N, C-alpha and C. Protein backbone atom coordinates (compact mmCIF):
# COMPACT_ATOMS: atom_id res chain seq x y z
N MET A 1 8.64 7.67 -26.24
CA MET A 1 7.71 8.99 -25.68
C MET A 1 8.10 9.08 -24.26
N ALA A 2 7.99 10.62 -23.91
CA ALA A 2 8.16 10.72 -22.34
C ALA A 2 6.72 11.07 -22.08
N VAL A 3 6.38 10.94 -20.71
CA VAL A 3 5.21 11.21 -20.09
C VAL A 3 5.24 12.57 -19.26
N HIS A 4 4.36 13.75 -19.13
CA HIS A 4 4.37 14.75 -18.46
C HIS A 4 3.01 14.78 -17.42
N PHE A 5 3.37 14.76 -16.32
CA PHE A 5 2.19 14.39 -15.02
C PHE A 5 2.68 15.51 -14.07
N GLY A 6 1.63 16.30 -13.56
CA GLY A 6 1.96 17.51 -12.59
C GLY A 6 3.43 18.26 -12.75
N GLU A 7 4.34 18.29 -12.04
CA GLU A 7 5.06 18.67 -11.95
C GLU A 7 6.29 17.67 -12.44
N PHE A 8 6.36 16.57 -13.05
CA PHE A 8 7.17 15.71 -13.11
C PHE A 8 7.13 15.21 -14.70
N VAL A 9 8.41 14.75 -15.26
CA VAL A 9 8.69 14.32 -16.85
C VAL A 9 9.19 12.81 -16.77
N PHE A 10 8.41 12.04 -16.86
CA PHE A 10 9.23 10.48 -16.86
C PHE A 10 9.37 10.32 -18.32
N ASP A 11 10.66 9.78 -18.29
CA ASP A 11 11.65 9.54 -19.94
C ASP A 11 11.81 7.82 -19.67
N GLU A 12 10.94 7.55 -20.04
CA GLU A 12 11.27 6.02 -20.22
C GLU A 12 12.76 5.19 -20.72
N HIS A 13 13.05 6.32 -22.06
CA HIS A 13 13.95 6.15 -22.84
C HIS A 13 15.37 6.24 -21.83
N THR A 14 15.24 7.44 -21.61
CA THR A 14 16.76 7.76 -20.80
C THR A 14 17.03 6.88 -19.29
N ARG A 15 15.58 6.64 -18.72
CA ARG A 15 15.32 6.09 -17.39
C ARG A 15 15.34 6.96 -16.54
N GLN A 16 14.85 8.37 -16.85
CA GLN A 16 14.77 9.33 -15.81
C GLN A 16 13.57 10.12 -15.31
N LEU A 17 13.61 10.12 -14.14
CA LEU A 17 12.37 11.30 -13.76
C LEU A 17 12.87 12.66 -13.41
N LEU A 18 12.31 13.82 -13.83
CA LEU A 18 12.63 14.72 -13.74
C LEU A 18 11.59 15.81 -13.01
N ARG A 19 12.20 16.75 -12.32
CA ARG A 19 10.93 17.65 -11.35
C ARG A 19 11.50 18.88 -11.88
N GLY A 20 10.75 19.71 -12.27
CA GLY A 20 11.25 20.84 -12.53
C GLY A 20 12.68 21.42 -13.58
N GLY A 21 13.00 20.07 -14.04
CA GLY A 21 14.28 19.79 -14.91
C GLY A 21 15.57 19.46 -14.18
N GLN A 22 15.15 18.73 -13.10
CA GLN A 22 16.34 18.03 -12.13
C GLN A 22 15.88 16.77 -11.94
N VAL A 23 17.02 15.86 -12.35
CA VAL A 23 16.36 14.44 -11.95
C VAL A 23 15.98 14.22 -10.57
N VAL A 24 15.39 13.05 -10.55
CA VAL A 24 14.67 12.66 -9.10
C VAL A 24 15.37 11.39 -9.45
N PRO A 25 16.34 11.07 -7.91
CA PRO A 25 16.47 9.46 -8.21
C PRO A 25 15.54 8.86 -7.90
N LEU A 26 15.70 7.67 -8.92
CA LEU A 26 14.73 6.60 -8.66
C LEU A 26 15.34 4.70 -8.49
N SER A 27 15.20 4.20 -7.48
CA SER A 27 15.44 2.72 -7.72
C SER A 27 15.07 2.11 -8.99
N PRO A 28 15.86 1.41 -9.17
CA PRO A 28 15.23 0.00 -9.99
C PRO A 28 13.87 -0.30 -10.36
N LYS A 29 13.41 -0.86 -9.05
CA LYS A 29 12.00 -1.31 -8.58
C LYS A 29 11.13 -0.15 -8.74
N THR A 30 11.43 1.11 -8.19
CA THR A 30 10.68 2.00 -8.39
C THR A 30 10.34 2.58 -9.76
N PHE A 31 11.20 2.39 -10.47
CA PHE A 31 11.42 2.69 -11.71
C PHE A 31 10.67 1.73 -12.53
N GLU A 32 10.20 0.84 -12.40
CA GLU A 32 9.47 -0.46 -13.04
C GLU A 32 8.24 0.08 -12.67
N LEU A 33 7.73 0.08 -11.27
CA LEU A 33 6.43 0.39 -10.95
C LEU A 33 6.14 1.00 -11.47
N LEU A 34 6.66 2.58 -11.59
CA LEU A 34 6.15 3.54 -12.00
C LEU A 34 5.88 3.78 -14.43
N ARG A 35 7.03 2.85 -14.22
CA ARG A 35 6.81 2.79 -16.14
C ARG A 35 5.80 1.54 -16.06
N ASN A 36 5.67 0.77 -15.49
CA ASN A 36 4.06 -0.17 -15.89
C ASN A 36 2.77 0.47 -15.45
N LEU A 37 2.89 1.36 -14.20
CA LEU A 37 1.57 1.90 -14.44
C LEU A 37 1.20 3.21 -15.24
N LEU A 38 2.47 3.73 -15.42
CA LEU A 38 1.91 4.89 -16.32
C LEU A 38 1.49 4.07 -17.93
N ARG A 39 2.13 2.77 -18.26
CA ARG A 39 1.68 2.31 -19.43
C ARG A 39 0.48 1.56 -19.58
N ARG A 40 0.24 1.56 -18.46
CA ARG A 40 -1.51 0.70 -18.70
C ARG A 40 -2.49 2.03 -17.78
N ARG A 41 -2.34 3.21 -17.81
CA ARG A 41 -3.05 3.88 -17.05
C ARG A 41 -4.27 4.37 -18.11
N PRO A 42 -5.34 4.28 -17.34
CA PRO A 42 -5.79 4.61 -16.26
C PRO A 42 -6.36 3.30 -15.59
N ALA A 43 -5.84 2.24 -16.21
CA ALA A 43 -5.98 0.99 -15.79
C ALA A 43 -5.97 0.37 -14.51
N ALA A 44 -6.35 -0.48 -13.59
CA ALA A 44 -5.62 -0.50 -12.31
C ALA A 44 -4.89 -2.19 -13.07
N VAL A 45 -3.79 -2.42 -11.90
CA VAL A 45 -2.83 -3.62 -12.57
C VAL A 45 -2.98 -4.41 -11.20
N SER A 46 -2.94 -5.33 -11.65
CA SER A 46 -2.67 -6.25 -10.42
C SER A 46 -1.93 -6.48 -9.42
N LYS A 47 -2.01 -6.75 -8.21
CA LYS A 47 -0.44 -7.22 -7.23
C LYS A 47 0.13 -8.22 -8.00
N ALA A 48 -0.26 -9.01 -8.47
CA ALA A 48 0.19 -10.56 -8.84
C ALA A 48 1.05 -10.19 -10.56
N GLU A 49 -0.02 -9.28 -11.42
CA GLU A 49 0.57 -9.09 -12.46
C GLU A 49 1.88 -7.89 -12.05
N LEU A 50 2.13 -7.23 -11.56
CA LEU A 50 3.28 -5.82 -11.13
C LEU A 50 4.43 -6.99 -10.43
N GLN A 51 4.38 -7.88 -9.58
CA GLN A 51 5.11 -8.70 -8.97
C GLN A 51 5.76 -9.38 -10.23
N ALA A 52 5.13 -9.84 -11.13
CA ALA A 52 5.22 -10.67 -12.26
C ALA A 52 6.57 -9.84 -13.00
N LEU A 53 5.86 -8.60 -12.83
CA LEU A 53 6.90 -7.34 -14.14
C LEU A 53 8.09 -7.08 -13.90
N ILE A 54 8.07 -6.70 -12.13
CA ILE A 54 9.09 -6.47 -11.50
C ILE A 54 10.17 -7.37 -11.20
N TRP A 55 9.60 -8.56 -10.41
CA TRP A 55 10.00 -9.37 -9.95
C TRP A 55 10.30 -10.38 -10.97
N PRO A 56 10.43 -10.39 -12.26
CA PRO A 56 10.20 -11.45 -13.12
C PRO A 56 10.57 -13.19 -12.94
N GLU A 57 11.67 -13.14 -12.13
CA GLU A 57 12.40 -14.45 -11.56
C GLU A 57 12.67 -14.90 -10.11
N THR A 58 11.64 -13.69 -9.31
CA THR A 58 11.89 -14.05 -8.18
C THR A 58 10.57 -14.03 -7.40
N HIS A 59 10.44 -14.57 -6.55
CA HIS A 59 9.10 -14.81 -5.85
C HIS A 59 9.29 -14.05 -4.49
N VAL A 60 8.35 -12.94 -4.48
CA VAL A 60 8.48 -11.95 -3.44
C VAL A 60 7.22 -11.96 -2.93
N THR A 61 7.32 -11.37 -1.61
CA THR A 61 5.51 -11.54 -0.95
C THR A 61 5.07 -10.13 -1.03
N PRO A 62 3.84 -9.66 -0.89
CA PRO A 62 3.31 -8.57 -1.20
C PRO A 62 3.74 -7.72 -0.24
N ALA A 63 4.38 -7.60 0.51
CA ALA A 63 4.92 -6.50 1.57
C ALA A 63 6.08 -6.09 0.62
N SER A 64 6.84 -7.09 -0.38
CA SER A 64 8.10 -6.02 -1.09
C SER A 64 7.23 -5.04 -2.04
N LEU A 65 5.96 -5.38 -2.81
CA LEU A 65 5.45 -4.49 -3.60
C LEU A 65 4.63 -3.18 -3.01
N ALA A 66 4.44 -3.34 -1.92
CA ALA A 66 3.71 -2.27 -0.90
C ALA A 66 4.93 -1.65 -0.72
N SER A 67 6.08 -1.98 -0.17
CA SER A 67 7.03 -1.24 -0.07
C SER A 67 7.80 -0.14 -1.31
N VAL A 68 7.62 -0.75 -2.58
CA VAL A 68 8.24 -0.05 -3.42
C VAL A 68 7.27 0.77 -3.67
N ALA A 69 5.63 0.82 -3.56
CA ALA A 69 4.98 1.90 -3.88
C ALA A 69 4.94 2.91 -3.10
N SER A 70 4.98 2.43 -1.72
CA SER A 70 5.77 3.67 -0.73
C SER A 70 6.79 4.18 -0.74
N ASP A 71 7.47 3.76 -1.43
CA ASP A 71 8.76 4.64 -1.95
C ASP A 71 8.34 5.42 -3.24
N LEU A 72 7.55 4.85 -3.99
CA LEU A 72 7.56 5.98 -5.11
C LEU A 72 6.52 6.63 -4.88
N ARG A 73 5.65 7.13 -3.99
CA ARG A 73 4.56 7.92 -3.32
C ARG A 73 5.70 8.79 -2.62
N GLY A 74 6.44 8.48 -2.01
CA GLY A 74 7.39 9.38 -1.29
C GLY A 74 8.14 10.03 -2.53
N VAL A 75 8.72 9.54 -3.16
CA VAL A 75 9.09 10.28 -4.45
C VAL A 75 8.61 11.58 -5.05
N LEU A 76 7.17 10.80 -5.64
CA LEU A 76 5.99 12.04 -6.19
C LEU A 76 5.63 12.91 -5.37
N LEU A 77 5.90 12.87 -4.04
CA LEU A 77 5.65 13.99 -3.04
C LEU A 77 3.91 13.61 -2.97
N GLU A 78 3.64 12.54 -2.63
CA GLU A 78 2.09 12.11 -2.25
C GLU A 78 1.80 12.56 -0.75
N ARG A 79 1.18 13.38 -0.42
CA ARG A 79 0.44 12.95 1.05
C ARG A 79 -0.32 11.66 1.80
N ARG A 80 -0.17 11.44 2.67
CA ARG A 80 -0.85 10.70 3.36
C ARG A 80 -2.35 10.20 2.90
N GLY A 81 -2.82 9.37 2.32
CA GLY A 81 -4.24 9.34 2.16
C GLY A 81 -4.94 10.50 0.97
N ARG A 82 -4.10 11.45 0.21
CA ARG A 82 -4.34 11.95 -0.54
C ARG A 82 -3.70 11.89 -2.08
N PRO A 83 -3.68 10.35 -2.44
CA PRO A 83 -3.19 10.19 -3.87
C PRO A 83 -3.44 11.31 -5.00
N ARG A 84 -2.01 11.91 -5.54
CA ARG A 84 -2.51 12.36 -6.68
C ARG A 84 -2.46 11.51 -8.06
N PHE A 85 -1.17 10.56 -8.11
CA PHE A 85 -0.83 9.66 -9.10
C PHE A 85 -0.86 8.26 -8.90
N ILE A 86 -0.71 7.91 -7.98
CA ILE A 86 -0.71 6.60 -7.43
C ILE A 86 -1.86 6.19 -6.67
N ARG A 87 -2.99 5.43 -7.07
CA ARG A 87 -4.08 4.92 -6.45
C ARG A 87 -3.62 3.44 -6.04
N THR A 88 -4.35 3.06 -4.84
CA THR A 88 -4.43 2.15 -4.08
C THR A 88 -6.24 1.10 -4.57
N VAL A 89 -6.02 -0.16 -5.22
CA VAL A 89 -7.32 -0.53 -5.51
C VAL A 89 -7.24 -1.89 -4.54
N HIS A 90 -7.63 -1.13 -3.28
CA HIS A 90 -8.13 -2.20 -2.58
C HIS A 90 -8.44 -3.63 -2.68
N GLY A 91 -7.66 -4.50 -2.38
CA GLY A 91 -7.94 -6.52 -2.63
C GLY A 91 -7.52 -6.57 -4.27
N PHE A 92 -6.84 -5.64 -4.66
CA PHE A 92 -6.49 -5.89 -6.35
C PHE A 92 -5.16 -5.60 -6.31
N GLY A 93 -4.63 -4.05 -6.53
CA GLY A 93 -3.56 -3.62 -6.79
C GLY A 93 -3.43 -2.08 -7.20
N TYR A 94 -2.89 -1.61 -8.10
CA TYR A 94 -2.41 -0.32 -8.03
C TYR A 94 -3.22 0.01 -9.45
N ALA A 95 -3.38 1.63 -9.56
CA ALA A 95 -3.54 2.17 -10.64
C ALA A 95 -2.77 3.72 -10.68
N PHE A 96 -2.32 4.46 -12.25
CA PHE A 96 -2.15 5.67 -12.03
C PHE A 96 -3.32 6.43 -12.37
N CYS A 97 -3.43 7.31 -11.40
CA CYS A 97 -4.74 8.18 -11.23
C CYS A 97 -4.92 9.57 -11.90
N GLY A 98 -3.73 9.87 -11.68
CA GLY A 98 -3.18 11.37 -12.54
C GLY A 98 -3.51 11.88 -13.75
N GLU A 99 -3.48 13.34 -14.40
CA GLU A 99 -3.42 13.63 -15.45
C GLU A 99 -2.18 13.71 -16.24
N ALA A 100 -2.06 12.93 -17.38
CA ALA A 100 -0.52 12.60 -17.99
C ALA A 100 -0.79 13.20 -19.67
N VAL A 101 0.10 13.29 -19.66
CA VAL A 101 0.11 14.03 -21.13
C VAL A 101 1.31 13.40 -21.69
N GLU A 102 1.34 12.71 -23.43
CA GLU A 102 2.38 11.60 -23.96
C GLU A 102 2.71 12.89 -24.73
N VAL A 103 4.37 13.47 -24.31
CA VAL A 103 4.92 14.18 -25.31
C VAL A 103 6.43 13.41 -26.44
N ARG A 104 6.53 14.65 -27.58
CA ARG A 104 7.76 13.55 -27.61
C ARG A 104 8.96 14.08 -27.47
N GLU A 105 9.86 13.66 -27.50
CA GLU A 105 11.58 14.00 -26.95
C GLU A 105 11.82 15.14 -28.51
N ARG A 106 12.69 16.12 -27.62
CA ARG A 106 12.88 17.34 -28.75
C ARG A 106 13.05 16.94 -29.92
N ALA A 107 14.29 15.59 -29.94
CA ALA A 107 14.64 15.47 -31.51
C ALA A 107 13.39 15.02 -32.26
N GLN A 108 12.49 14.62 -32.06
CA GLN A 108 11.66 13.96 -32.87
C GLN A 108 10.45 15.32 -33.04
N ALA A 109 10.23 16.01 -31.98
CA ALA A 109 9.35 17.61 -31.84
C ALA A 109 10.08 18.18 -33.13
N GLU A 110 11.34 18.25 -33.30
CA GLU A 110 11.86 18.95 -34.34
C GLU A 110 12.23 18.53 -35.64
N ALA A 111 11.85 17.33 -35.80
CA ALA A 111 12.03 16.56 -37.04
C ALA A 111 10.93 16.69 -37.58
N SER A 112 9.43 16.79 -37.13
CA SER A 112 8.05 17.37 -37.37
C SER A 112 7.93 18.76 -37.79
N LEU A 113 8.92 19.45 -37.52
CA LEU A 113 8.54 20.84 -37.88
C LEU A 113 8.04 21.32 -39.47
N SER A 114 8.45 20.32 -40.39
CA SER A 114 8.02 20.75 -41.66
C SER A 114 6.48 20.20 -42.05
N GLY A 115 5.96 19.92 -41.13
CA GLY A 115 4.20 19.56 -41.44
C GLY A 115 3.48 19.81 -40.40
N PRO A 116 1.87 19.65 -40.79
CA PRO A 116 1.42 19.71 -39.52
C PRO A 116 1.58 18.25 -38.19
N ILE A 117 1.30 18.89 -37.04
CA ILE A 117 1.10 17.62 -36.08
C ILE A 117 -0.17 17.12 -35.83
N TYR A 118 -0.39 16.24 -35.93
CA TYR A 118 -1.99 15.54 -35.68
C TYR A 118 -1.72 14.54 -34.26
N ARG A 119 -3.06 15.16 -33.33
CA ARG A 119 -3.28 14.62 -32.17
C ARG A 119 -4.85 13.73 -31.93
N LEU A 120 -4.64 13.01 -31.19
CA LEU A 120 -6.16 12.53 -30.78
C LEU A 120 -6.28 12.65 -29.00
N ILE A 121 -7.56 13.27 -28.69
CA ILE A 121 -7.45 13.34 -27.59
C ILE A 121 -8.32 12.57 -27.01
N TRP A 122 -8.25 11.97 -25.70
CA TRP A 122 -8.98 11.19 -24.91
C TRP A 122 -8.87 11.71 -23.50
N LYS A 123 -10.00 11.81 -22.40
CA LYS A 123 -9.81 12.18 -21.64
C LYS A 123 -8.91 13.12 -21.25
N ARG A 124 -7.69 12.56 -20.46
CA ARG A 124 -6.84 13.35 -20.28
C ARG A 124 -5.71 13.20 -21.12
N ARG A 125 -5.66 11.86 -22.19
CA ARG A 125 -4.18 11.93 -22.88
C ARG A 125 -4.52 12.82 -24.15
N GLU A 126 -3.37 13.13 -24.75
CA GLU A 126 -3.01 13.37 -25.65
C GLU A 126 -1.97 12.48 -26.67
N ILE A 127 -2.77 12.08 -27.52
CA ILE A 127 -2.00 10.81 -28.31
C ILE A 127 -1.47 11.15 -29.58
N ASP A 128 -0.20 11.24 -29.80
CA ASP A 128 0.19 11.67 -30.95
C ASP A 128 0.38 10.92 -32.19
N LEU A 129 -0.31 10.93 -33.54
CA LEU A 129 -0.26 10.27 -34.54
C LEU A 129 0.67 10.38 -35.15
N SER A 130 1.23 9.13 -35.67
CA SER A 130 2.57 9.20 -36.67
C SER A 130 2.40 8.91 -38.02
N GLU A 131 3.24 9.41 -39.09
CA GLU A 131 3.07 9.07 -40.37
C GLU A 131 2.80 7.31 -40.49
N GLY A 132 1.87 7.17 -41.52
CA GLY A 132 1.37 5.92 -41.47
C GLY A 132 -0.09 5.45 -40.66
N GLU A 133 -0.40 3.99 -40.49
CA GLU A 133 -1.19 3.31 -39.66
C GLU A 133 -1.25 3.94 -38.48
N ASN A 134 -2.09 4.25 -37.59
CA ASN A 134 -2.16 4.35 -36.10
C ASN A 134 -3.71 3.66 -35.99
N ILE A 135 -3.32 2.72 -35.36
CA ILE A 135 -4.67 1.57 -34.66
C ILE A 135 -4.99 1.94 -33.67
N LEU A 136 -6.77 2.36 -33.43
CA LEU A 136 -7.43 2.61 -32.19
C LEU A 136 -8.09 1.18 -31.93
N GLY A 137 -8.01 1.02 -30.69
CA GLY A 137 -8.54 -0.16 -30.18
C GLY A 137 -8.04 -0.58 -28.92
N ARG A 138 -8.10 -1.70 -28.45
CA ARG A 138 -8.34 -2.42 -26.84
C ARG A 138 -6.72 -3.28 -26.66
N ASP A 139 -6.57 -3.40 -28.37
CA ASP A 139 -5.25 -4.24 -28.31
C ASP A 139 -4.23 -3.15 -27.77
N ARG A 140 -3.32 -3.81 -26.88
CA ARG A 140 -2.09 -3.35 -25.84
C ARG A 140 -1.11 -2.60 -26.77
N ASP A 141 -1.01 -3.01 -27.97
CA ASP A 141 0.11 -2.36 -28.90
C ASP A 141 -0.55 -1.41 -29.79
N SER A 142 -1.87 -0.84 -29.64
CA SER A 142 -2.30 -0.17 -30.28
C SER A 142 -2.09 1.42 -30.11
N VAL A 143 -1.64 2.30 -31.11
CA VAL A 143 -1.07 3.62 -30.85
C VAL A 143 -2.16 4.40 -30.08
N ALA A 144 -3.38 4.29 -30.28
CA ALA A 144 -4.61 4.83 -29.28
C ALA A 144 -5.17 3.60 -28.29
N TRP A 145 -4.55 3.21 -27.59
CA TRP A 145 -4.86 1.88 -26.72
C TRP A 145 -6.53 2.38 -25.97
N ILE A 146 -7.69 1.99 -25.97
CA ILE A 146 -8.42 2.59 -25.28
C ILE A 146 -9.05 1.31 -24.87
N ASP A 147 -9.36 1.28 -23.36
CA ASP A 147 -9.66 0.31 -22.50
C ASP A 147 -10.95 0.27 -22.21
N SER A 148 -12.09 -0.11 -23.16
CA SER A 148 -13.73 0.02 -22.95
C SER A 148 -14.05 -1.35 -23.61
N PRO A 149 -15.14 -2.04 -22.59
CA PRO A 149 -15.86 -2.96 -23.71
C PRO A 149 -16.39 -2.80 -24.57
N THR A 150 -16.49 -1.46 -25.00
CA THR A 150 -17.49 -1.12 -26.15
C THR A 150 -16.39 -0.79 -27.34
N VAL A 151 -15.12 -1.14 -27.37
CA VAL A 151 -14.15 -1.13 -28.27
C VAL A 151 -13.57 -2.30 -28.73
N SER A 152 -13.98 -2.51 -30.22
CA SER A 152 -12.71 -3.41 -30.42
C SER A 152 -11.53 -3.79 -30.42
N ARG A 153 -10.86 -5.04 -30.28
CA ARG A 153 -9.49 -5.03 -30.22
C ARG A 153 -8.70 -3.90 -31.18
N ARG A 154 -9.11 -4.26 -32.35
CA ARG A 154 -8.66 -3.08 -33.54
C ARG A 154 -9.94 -2.50 -34.36
N HIS A 155 -10.23 -1.53 -33.38
CA HIS A 155 -11.68 -1.04 -34.00
C HIS A 155 -11.51 0.09 -35.35
N ALA A 156 -10.41 0.78 -35.22
CA ALA A 156 -10.77 1.75 -36.42
C ALA A 156 -9.01 2.15 -36.72
N ARG A 157 -8.49 2.59 -37.27
CA ARG A 157 -7.49 3.61 -37.75
C ARG A 157 -7.26 4.75 -38.24
N ILE A 158 -6.58 5.43 -38.31
CA ILE A 158 -6.38 6.66 -38.80
C ILE A 158 -4.75 6.49 -39.36
N LEU A 159 -4.50 6.61 -41.00
CA LEU A 159 -3.73 6.77 -41.52
C LEU A 159 -3.46 8.34 -42.00
N VAL A 160 -2.09 8.47 -41.38
CA VAL A 160 -1.48 10.11 -41.60
C VAL A 160 -0.51 9.70 -42.90
N SER A 161 -0.52 10.29 -43.97
CA SER A 161 0.09 10.91 -44.99
C SER A 161 0.31 12.70 -45.40
N GLY A 162 1.58 12.63 -45.28
CA GLY A 162 1.70 14.35 -44.96
C GLY A 162 0.58 15.14 -44.75
N ASP A 163 -0.06 15.65 -45.60
CA ASP A 163 -0.75 16.66 -44.95
C ASP A 163 -2.31 16.41 -44.87
N GLN A 164 -2.70 14.74 -45.02
CA GLN A 164 -4.14 14.78 -44.49
C GLN A 164 -3.83 13.41 -43.61
N ALA A 165 -4.98 13.02 -43.06
CA ALA A 165 -5.18 11.78 -42.29
C ALA A 165 -6.92 11.33 -42.52
N ILE A 166 -6.50 10.09 -42.94
CA ILE A 166 -7.77 9.57 -43.32
C ILE A 166 -8.35 8.54 -42.07
N LEU A 167 -9.46 8.38 -41.63
CA LEU A 167 -10.28 7.66 -40.96
C LEU A 167 -11.26 6.17 -41.53
N GLU A 168 -10.67 5.24 -40.67
CA GLU A 168 -11.28 3.93 -41.31
C GLU A 168 -11.53 2.99 -40.14
N ASP A 169 -13.27 2.28 -40.41
CA ASP A 169 -13.36 1.82 -39.45
C ASP A 169 -12.91 0.18 -39.99
N LEU A 170 -12.29 -0.77 -39.13
CA LEU A 170 -12.24 -2.11 -39.55
C LEU A 170 -12.78 -3.21 -39.13
N GLY A 171 -14.23 -3.23 -39.43
CA GLY A 171 -15.33 -4.16 -39.08
C GLY A 171 -15.60 -4.15 -37.67
N SER A 172 -15.81 -3.09 -36.93
CA SER A 172 -15.44 -3.53 -35.46
C SER A 172 -17.12 -3.61 -35.25
N ARG A 173 -17.22 -4.11 -33.84
CA ARG A 173 -18.39 -4.62 -33.83
C ARG A 173 -19.48 -3.41 -33.08
N ASN A 174 -19.00 -2.57 -32.60
CA ASN A 174 -20.00 -1.04 -32.39
C ASN A 174 -19.78 0.39 -33.53
N GLY A 175 -18.74 -0.17 -34.41
CA GLY A 175 -19.09 0.92 -34.95
C GLY A 175 -18.32 2.23 -34.78
N THR A 176 -17.79 3.03 -35.54
CA THR A 176 -16.92 4.17 -35.47
C THR A 176 -17.67 5.60 -36.14
N TRP A 177 -18.12 6.48 -35.69
CA TRP A 177 -18.60 7.58 -35.66
C TRP A 177 -17.83 9.02 -35.66
N ILE A 178 -18.34 9.71 -37.24
CA ILE A 178 -17.29 11.02 -36.82
C ILE A 178 -18.64 12.15 -37.42
N ARG A 179 -18.56 12.92 -36.70
CA ARG A 179 -19.22 14.05 -36.50
C ARG A 179 -20.92 13.77 -36.57
N GLY A 180 -21.08 12.67 -35.76
CA GLY A 180 -22.29 12.17 -35.32
C GLY A 180 -22.97 10.97 -36.65
N ARG A 181 -21.82 10.45 -37.38
CA ARG A 181 -22.44 9.68 -38.56
C ARG A 181 -21.72 8.35 -38.52
N LYS A 182 -22.09 7.47 -38.71
CA LYS A 182 -21.43 6.45 -38.88
C LYS A 182 -20.29 6.06 -40.06
N VAL A 183 -18.93 5.91 -39.65
CA VAL A 183 -17.98 5.69 -40.55
C VAL A 183 -18.42 4.34 -41.60
N THR A 184 -18.71 4.13 -42.86
CA THR A 184 -18.65 3.44 -43.71
C THR A 184 -17.61 3.34 -45.05
N GLY A 185 -16.81 4.15 -44.76
CA GLY A 185 -15.61 3.71 -46.06
C GLY A 185 -14.67 5.18 -45.19
N PRO A 186 -13.41 4.98 -45.95
CA PRO A 186 -12.36 6.04 -45.63
C PRO A 186 -12.97 7.49 -45.73
N ILE A 187 -12.53 8.28 -44.59
CA ILE A 187 -13.08 9.50 -44.71
C ILE A 187 -12.11 10.51 -44.08
N ARG A 188 -12.15 11.40 -44.72
CA ARG A 188 -10.68 12.50 -44.48
C ARG A 188 -11.19 12.78 -42.92
N LEU A 189 -10.18 13.16 -41.79
CA LEU A 189 -10.14 14.31 -40.75
C LEU A 189 -10.12 15.58 -40.89
N SER A 190 -10.87 16.65 -40.11
CA SER A 190 -10.41 17.63 -40.15
C SER A 190 -10.03 18.10 -38.51
N ASP A 191 -9.33 19.17 -38.31
CA ASP A 191 -9.37 19.90 -37.17
C ASP A 191 -10.62 19.87 -36.42
N LEU A 192 -10.55 19.45 -35.10
CA LEU A 192 -11.71 19.45 -33.90
C LEU A 192 -12.92 18.68 -34.12
N ASP A 193 -12.61 17.65 -35.63
CA ASP A 193 -13.71 16.91 -35.50
C ASP A 193 -13.69 15.72 -34.33
N GLU A 194 -15.36 15.34 -33.87
CA GLU A 194 -15.28 14.41 -33.17
C GLU A 194 -15.27 13.07 -33.41
N VAL A 195 -14.60 12.32 -33.19
CA VAL A 195 -14.35 10.89 -33.31
C VAL A 195 -14.87 9.79 -32.58
N ARG A 196 -15.79 8.90 -32.58
CA ARG A 196 -16.54 7.76 -31.62
C ARG A 196 -16.32 6.79 -32.40
N VAL A 197 -15.61 6.10 -31.04
CA VAL A 197 -14.84 4.61 -31.50
C VAL A 197 -15.83 3.92 -29.99
N GLY A 198 -16.96 2.91 -30.80
CA GLY A 198 -17.77 2.30 -29.48
C GLY A 198 -18.30 3.52 -28.69
N SER A 199 -18.38 3.53 -27.71
CA SER A 199 -19.23 4.57 -26.60
C SER A 199 -18.19 5.64 -26.58
N VAL A 200 -17.12 5.56 -26.59
CA VAL A 200 -15.96 6.28 -26.14
C VAL A 200 -15.39 7.74 -27.45
N VAL A 201 -15.83 8.92 -26.70
CA VAL A 201 -15.69 9.99 -27.54
C VAL A 201 -14.32 10.63 -27.73
N THR A 202 -13.66 10.65 -28.63
CA THR A 202 -12.39 11.26 -28.78
C THR A 202 -12.63 12.58 -29.74
N LEU A 203 -11.26 13.51 -29.33
CA LEU A 203 -10.95 14.72 -30.11
C LEU A 203 -10.10 14.89 -31.15
N PHE A 204 -9.94 15.04 -32.56
CA PHE A 204 -9.12 14.95 -33.32
C PHE A 204 -8.42 15.97 -33.43
N ARG A 205 -6.99 16.84 -33.65
CA ARG A 205 -6.68 17.77 -33.80
C ARG A 205 -5.50 17.98 -34.78
N VAL A 206 -5.41 19.00 -35.28
CA VAL A 206 -4.37 19.18 -36.43
C VAL A 206 -3.72 20.57 -36.01
N LEU A 207 -2.54 20.39 -35.36
CA LEU A 207 -1.65 21.70 -34.90
C LEU A 207 -0.55 22.02 -35.61
N GLU A 208 0.12 23.23 -35.74
CA GLU A 208 1.06 23.85 -36.44
C GLU A 208 2.27 23.16 -35.29
N PRO A 209 3.63 23.31 -35.40
CA PRO A 209 4.65 22.54 -34.72
C PRO A 209 4.74 23.85 -33.66
N ASP A 210 4.05 24.87 -33.19
CA ASP A 210 4.65 25.87 -32.42
C ASP A 210 3.29 25.92 -31.72
N GLU A 211 2.73 25.33 -31.97
CA GLU A 211 1.24 24.94 -31.01
C GLU A 211 1.15 23.81 -30.07
N THR A 212 2.38 23.27 -30.54
CA THR A 212 2.14 21.98 -29.55
C THR A 212 2.69 22.11 -28.32
N GLU A 213 3.11 22.94 -27.68
CA GLU A 213 3.73 23.52 -26.41
C GLU A 213 2.38 23.31 -25.34
N GLN A 214 1.04 23.53 -25.53
CA GLN A 214 -0.12 23.56 -25.16
C GLN A 214 -1.18 23.35 -26.08
N THR A 215 -1.69 22.10 -26.14
CA THR A 215 -2.87 22.21 -26.77
C THR A 215 -4.28 22.78 -26.39
N PRO A 216 -4.88 23.58 -27.19
CA PRO A 216 -6.01 24.45 -26.70
C PRO A 216 -6.84 23.17 -26.41
């Protein structure tokens, strides 16, 4: 997956940051900081955890992390005191605060041209749903990771098979709802269905391939 935010595209697979189609140089440590903040967005990540992720076998001082964060802000053209993407959580750590959209690589998108494309929209995120099981929950391995105390670790799932998508609750504590009704068994999803997991409201979309450039 690549992530688009502002005028930038961050591709973890190719280890590149692009701005207007041009590669923006990133140091290894700056790359790791951006990668981990994007992975955890919009949650804040502690300094201790970031230091362990970026320098896994080396003890460093907080000043080292602050220096890398400053370098990243420079790369992202942020103005002092006016964060667009990187937010300082004083006394704790950092968070990615910008609007970001996950996009498929070109080859993956072309492979899906034979059928509809399914997405789940939550806040500023557009999450592609793949063939098979797509877990919604607080588990970080979930396809749709939703960081809310009202959401169970494995809250619900959407099963995609060809031209249909089926929603099921997975015994969650606070329930799964569709169109204002509680889900008590498998139910087929339709375009523009409102899906609520716990207190979190998402929107289910069914798109044709030529509609994926910009989701309405």
